[in-house]
C-alpha atoms as a PDB file:
ATOM      1  CA  MET A   1      11.992   3.031  -8.398  1.00  0.00           C
ATOM      2  CA  SER A   2       8.618   2.700 -10.110  1.00  0.00           C
ATOM      3  CA  THR A   3       6.798   5.050 -12.436  1.00  0.00           C
ATOM      4  CA  SER A   4       3.166   5.267 -13.488  1.00  0.00           C
ATOM      5  CA  SER A   5       1.653   7.886 -15.732  1.00  0.00           C
ATOM      6  CA  ILE A   6      -1.491   8.582 -17.670  1.00  0.00           C
ATOM      7  CA  THR A   7      -3.008  11.390 -19.690  1.00  0.00           C
ATOM      8  CA  ILE A   8      -6.724  11.991 -19.279  1.00  0.00           C
ATOM      9  CA  ASP A   9      -9.160  14.594 -20.568  1.00  0.00           C
ATOM     10  CA  LEU A  10     -10.577  16.801 -17.833  1.00  0.00           C
ATOM     11  CA  ASN A  11     -13.079  19.339 -19.149  1.00  0.00           C
ATOM     12  CA  ASP A  12     -11.627  18.930 -22.659  1.00  0.00           C
ATOM     13  CA  VAL A  13      -8.087  19.660 -21.440  1.00  0.00           C
ATOM     14  CA  PRO A  14      -5.449  16.910 -21.725  1.00  0.00           C
ATOM     15  CA  THR A  15      -4.087  16.439 -18.206  1.00  0.00           C
ATOM     16  CA  GLY A  16      -0.984  14.381 -17.539  1.00  0.00           C
ATOM     17  CA  VAL A  17      -0.516  12.742 -14.156  1.00  0.00           C
ATOM     18  CA  SER A  18       2.730  10.942 -13.386  1.00  0.00           C
ATOM     19  CA  ILE A  19       3.920   9.312 -10.152  1.00  0.00           C
ATOM     20  CA  GLN A  20       7.526   8.274  -9.683  1.00  0.00           C
ATOM     21  CA  THR A  21       8.484   6.532  -6.453  1.00  0.00           C
ATOM     22  CA  PHE A  22      11.997   6.701  -5.021  1.00  0.00           C
ATOM     23  CA  LYS A  23      13.377   5.132  -1.845  1.00  0.00           C
ATOM     24  CA  ASP A  24      13.068   8.366   0.158  1.00  0.00           C
ATOM     25  CA  SER A  25      10.458  10.367  -1.747  1.00  0.00           C
ATOM     26  CA  VAL A  26       7.652  10.396  -4.288  1.00  0.00           C
ATOM     27  CA  LEU A  27       7.456  12.771  -7.264  1.00  0.00           C
ATOM     28  CA  VAL A  28       4.006  13.563  -8.634  1.00  0.00           C
ATOM     29  CA  LEU A  29       3.578  15.712 -11.732  1.00  0.00           C
ATOM     30  CA  VAL A  30       0.223  17.149 -12.759  1.00  0.00           C
ATOM     31  CA  SER A  31       0.343  19.135 -15.983  1.00  0.00           C
ATOM     32  CA  GLN A  32      -2.132  20.588 -18.429  1.00  0.00           C
ATOM     33  CA  VAL A  33       0.461  22.701 -20.244  1.00  0.00           C
ATOM     34  CA  GLY A  34       3.288  20.224 -20.905  1.00  0.00           C
ATOM     35  CA  LYS A  35       5.600  21.638 -18.233  1.00  0.00           C
ATOM     36  CA  VAL A  36       6.646  20.638 -14.722  1.00  0.00           C
ATOM     37  CA  GLY A  37       5.297  23.886 -13.299  1.00  0.00           C
ATOM     38  CA  ASN A  38       5.482  24.903  -9.660  1.00  0.00           C
ATOM     39  CA  LEU A  39       7.362  22.328  -7.534  1.00  0.00           C
ATOM     40  CA  ILE A  40       6.147  22.009  -3.952  1.00  0.00           C
ATOM     41  CA  GLN A  41       7.676  19.757  -1.285  1.00  0.00           C
ATOM     42  CA  VAL A  42       5.245  18.292   1.239  1.00  0.00           C
ATOM     43  CA  THR A  43       6.377  16.750   4.516  1.00  0.00           C
ATOM     44  CA  LEU A  44       4.703  15.470   7.652  1.00  0.00           C
ATOM     45  CA  PRO A  45       6.243  14.763  11.075  1.00  0.00           C
ATOM     46  CA  PRO A  46       6.388  11.004  11.741  1.00  0.00           C
ATOM     47  CA  THR A  47       4.412  11.394  14.965  1.00  0.00           C
ATOM     48  CA  THR A  48       1.397  12.947  13.235  1.00  0.00           C
ATOM     49  CA  PRO A  49      -1.472  10.454  12.969  1.00  0.00           C
ATOM     50  CA  LEU A  50      -3.132   9.879   9.619  1.00  0.00           C
ATOM     51  CA  LEU A  51      -6.894   9.824   9.592  1.00  0.00           C
ATOM     52  CA  PRO A  52      -8.657   7.594   7.071  1.00  0.00           C
ATOM     53  CA  ALA A  53     -11.109   8.962   4.561  1.00  0.00           C
ATOM     54  CA  ALA A  54     -14.681   9.351   5.768  1.00  0.00           C
ATOM     55  CA  THR A  55     -17.079   6.533   5.022  1.00  0.00           C
ATOM     56  CA  ALA A  56     -18.492   6.853   1.528  1.00  0.00           C
ATOM     57  CA  ASP A  57     -22.043   8.102   1.161  1.00  0.00           C
ATOM     58  CA  PRO A  58     -24.183   5.156  -0.041  1.00  0.00           C
ATOM     59  CA  LEU A  59     -26.223   7.567  -2.186  1.00  0.00           C
ATOM     60  CA  GLU A  60     -23.092   8.535  -4.100  1.00  0.00           C
ATOM     61  CA  SER A  61     -21.638   5.138  -4.997  1.00  0.00           C
ATOM     62  CA  ASN A  62     -19.313   6.590  -7.670  1.00  0.00           C
ATOM     63  CA  THR A  63     -17.720   9.100  -5.308  1.00  0.00           C
ATOM     64  CA  ARG A  64     -14.532   8.237  -3.452  1.00  0.00           C
ATOM     65  CA  GLN A  65     -13.853  10.069  -0.256  1.00  0.00           C
ATOM     66  CA  LEU A  66     -10.536  11.850   0.119  1.00  0.00           C
ATOM     67  CA  PRO A  67      -8.536  11.477   3.323  1.00  0.00           C
ATOM     68  CA  PRO A  68      -8.294  14.618   5.436  1.00  0.00           C
ATOM     69  CA  ILE A  69      -5.141  16.694   5.147  1.00  0.00           C
ATOM     70  CA  PRO A  70      -3.222  16.571   8.459  1.00  0.00           C
ATOM     71  CA  ALA A  71      -2.894  19.964  10.149  1.00  0.00           C
ATOM     72  CA  ALA A  72       0.855  19.426  10.593  1.00  0.00           C
ATOM     73  CA  THR A  73       1.454  19.161   6.832  1.00  0.00           C
ATOM     74  CA  HIS A  74       4.398  21.367   5.878  1.00  0.00           C
ATOM     75  CA  LEU A  75       4.677  22.881   2.381  1.00  0.00           C
ATOM     76  CA  THR A  76       7.871  24.297   0.883  1.00  0.00           C
ATOM     77  CA  SER A  77       8.039  25.901  -2.545  1.00  0.00           C
ATOM     78  CA  LEU A  78      11.062  24.457  -4.345  1.00  0.00           C
ATOM     79  CA  LEU A  79      10.879  25.880  -7.840  1.00  0.00           C
ATOM     80  CA  GLY A  80       8.634  28.294  -9.656  1.00  0.00           C
ATOM     81  CA  HIS A  81       5.712  30.151  -8.220  1.00  0.00           C
ATOM     82  CA  ALA A  82       2.035  30.565  -8.783  1.00  0.00           C
ATOM     83  CA  PRO A  83       0.989  33.669 -10.757  1.00  0.00           C
ATOM     84  CA  SER A  84      -1.388  34.887  -8.027  1.00  0.00           C
ATOM     85  CA  GLU A  85      -2.303  34.348  -4.395  1.00  0.00           C
ATOM     86  CA  TYR A  86      -5.424  32.450  -5.484  1.00  0.00           C
ATOM     87  CA  ARG A  87      -3.378  30.072  -7.679  1.00  0.00           C
ATOM     88  CA  HIS A  88      -0.799  29.692  -4.870  1.00  0.00           C
ATOM     89  CA  THR A  89      -3.573  28.507  -2.544  1.00  0.00           C
ATOM     90  CA  LEU A  90      -4.950  26.190  -5.236  1.00  0.00           C
ATOM     91  CA  HIS A  91      -1.502  24.656  -5.880  1.00  0.00           C
ATOM     92  CA  ASN A  92      -0.984  24.139  -2.138  1.00  0.00           C
ATOM     93  CA  LEU A  93      -4.355  22.391  -1.920  1.00  0.00           C
ATOM     94  CA  TYR A  94      -3.417  20.050  -4.767  1.00  0.00           C
ATOM     95  CA  ALA A  95      -0.012  19.284  -3.212  1.00  0.00           C
ATOM     96  CA  SER A  96      -1.428  18.711   0.299  1.00  0.00           C
ATOM     97  CA  GLN A  97      -4.249  16.459  -0.883  1.00  0.00           C
ATOM     98  CA  ILE A  98      -1.986  14.414  -3.174  1.00  0.00           C
ATOM     99  CA  ALA A  99       0.478  13.915  -0.306  1.00  0.00           C
ATOM    100  CA  SER A 100      -2.332  12.880   2.025  1.00  0.00           C
ATOM    101  CA  LEU A 101      -3.520  10.312  -0.556  1.00  0.00           C
ATOM    102  CA  ILE A 102      -0.021   8.859  -0.858  1.00  0.00           C
ATOM    103  CA  TRP A 103       0.603   8.716   2.885  1.00  0.00           C
ATOM    104  CA  ASN A 104      -2.763   7.053   3.508  1.00  0.00           C
ATOM    105  CA  MET A 105      -2.261   4.438   0.782  1.00  0.00           C
ATOM    106  CA  ALA A 106       1.316   3.561   1.709  1.00  0.00           C
ATOM    107  CA  PRO A 107       1.717   0.472   3.860  1.00  0.00           C
ATOM    108  CA  GLU A 108       2.958   1.276   7.312  1.00  0.00           C
ATOM    109  CA  ASP A 109       6.601   0.303   7.618  1.00  0.00           C
ATOM    110  CA  PRO A 110       7.580  -0.129  11.279  1.00  0.00           C
ATOM    111  CA  THR A 111      11.279   0.257  10.407  1.00  0.00           C
ATOM    112  CA  SER A 112      10.728   3.644   8.783  1.00  0.00           C
ATOM    113  CA  GLN A 113      11.593   6.625  10.963  1.00  0.00           C
ATOM    114  CA  ALA A 114       9.740   9.142   8.795  1.00  0.00           C
ATOM    115  CA  ARG A 115       7.140   9.329   6.079  1.00  0.00           C
ATOM    116  CA  LYS A 116       8.351   9.840   2.550  1.00  0.00           C
ATOM    117  CA  THR A 117       8.714  13.378   1.311  1.00  0.00           C
ATOM    118  CA  ILE A 118       6.264  14.148  -1.481  1.00  0.00           C
ATOM    119  CA  ILE A 119       7.249  16.541  -4.255  1.00  0.00           C
ATOM    120  CA  VAL A 120       4.397  17.755  -6.437  1.00  0.00           C
ATOM    121  CA  GLY A 121       4.801  19.616  -9.718  1.00  0.00           C
ATOM    122  CA  ILE A 122       1.667  21.501 -10.750  1.00  0.00           C
ATOM    123  CA  ALA A 123       1.084  23.236 -14.068  1.00  0.00           C
ATOM    124  CA  LEU A 124      -2.618  23.899 -14.566  1.00  0.00           C
ATOM    125  CA  GLN A 125      -4.239  25.765 -17.389  1.00  0.00           C
ATOM    126  CA  LYS A 126      -5.691  29.036 -16.154  1.00  0.00           C
ATOM    127  CA  SER A 127      -9.450  28.978 -15.847  1.00  0.00           C
ATOM    128  CA  LYS A 128     -11.095  31.240 -18.400  1.00  0.00           C
ATOM    129  CA  THR A 129     -13.901  32.210 -16.039  1.00  0.00           C
ATOM    130  CA  ASN A 130     -12.010  32.737 -12.782  1.00  0.00           C
ATOM    131  CA  ASP A 131     -10.593  36.208 -12.157  1.00  0.00           C
ATOM    132  CA  ASP A 132      -8.357  34.845  -9.358  1.00  0.00           C
ATOM    133  CA  THR A 133     -10.337  36.694  -6.709  1.00  0.00           C
ATOM    134  CA  SER A 134     -13.385  34.480  -6.404  1.00  0.00           C
ATOM    135  CA  SER A 135     -14.074  30.973  -5.184  1.00  0.00           C
ATOM    136  CA  PRO A 136     -13.268  27.965  -7.386  1.00  0.00           C
ATOM    137  CA  THR A 137     -15.323  27.510 -10.540  1.00  0.00           C
ATOM    138  CA  GLU A 138     -17.194  24.299 -11.291  1.00  0.00           C
ATOM    139  CA  THR A 139     -14.531  23.508 -13.906  1.00  0.00           C
ATOM    140  CA  GLU A 140     -11.766  23.891 -11.294  1.00  0.00           C
ATOM    141  CA  LYS A 141     -13.685  21.660  -8.866  1.00  0.00           C
ATOM    142  CA  GLU A 142     -14.178  19.009 -11.567  1.00  0.00           C
ATOM    143  CA  THR A 143     -10.494  19.194 -12.514  1.00  0.00           C
ATOM    144  CA  PHE A 144      -9.429  18.810  -8.873  1.00  0.00           C
ATOM    145  CA  THR A 145     -11.740  15.811  -8.404  1.00  0.00           C
ATOM    146  CA  GLY A 146     -10.522  14.237 -11.656  1.00  0.00           C
ATOM    147  CA  VAL A 147      -6.864  14.663 -10.723  1.00  0.00           C
ATOM    148  CA  MET A 148      -7.400  13.165  -7.253  1.00  0.00           C
ATOM    149  CA  ARG A 149      -9.340  10.227  -8.701  1.00  0.00           C
ATOM    150  CA  THR A 150      -6.513   9.633 -11.208  1.00  0.00           C
ATOM    151  CA  VAL A 151      -3.834   9.797  -8.492  1.00  0.00           C
ATOM    152  CA  GLN A 152      -5.822   7.266  -6.439  1.00  0.00           C
ATOM    153  CA  GLU A 153      -6.106   4.931  -9.429  1.00  0.00           C
ATOM    154  CA  LEU A 154      -2.379   5.137 -10.199  1.00  0.00           C
ATOM    155  CA  LEU A 155      -1.545   4.466  -6.552  1.00  0.00           C
ATOM    156  CA  GLU A 156      -3.852   1.452  -6.473  1.00  0.00           C
ATOM    157  CA  LYS A 157      -2.077   0.079  -9.559  1.00  0.00           C
ATOM    158  CA  GLY A 158       1.172   0.257  -7.637  1.00  0.00           C
ATOM    159  CA  ALA A 159       2.949   3.459  -8.599  1.00  0.00           C
END
């Protein structure tokens, strides 16, 4: 079992990201409010192919591409719930993308019969400018990008 964690500032909000790897699963916690938040389990059938991230745009050398989320990704709410349908969708996006990052970075193990289950805990501070009925704000987009970049960095360090 290995654990990696870091706290970063995203749009002036301290954001903790922690990854704990177990033999059969991976727990990822993303919190801006000091709580575990909504726990979502993410699974993928072992026969579903993983597609690599698109080739990076040479004009945007600082931007990492995220791998696509497989259509067969299955999400199950384990604990807690999002306060609105908009936040529910946002939490599912975070969980699906984090799982896709982990599955794409994990070395293929030919003896493994299934991919690891990913459990994501998400507790994000509510956006002050989003009324939960519109599209994501720039702050929410920047937070999402910052969290994904941080997850990638922790994975590369060997979480």
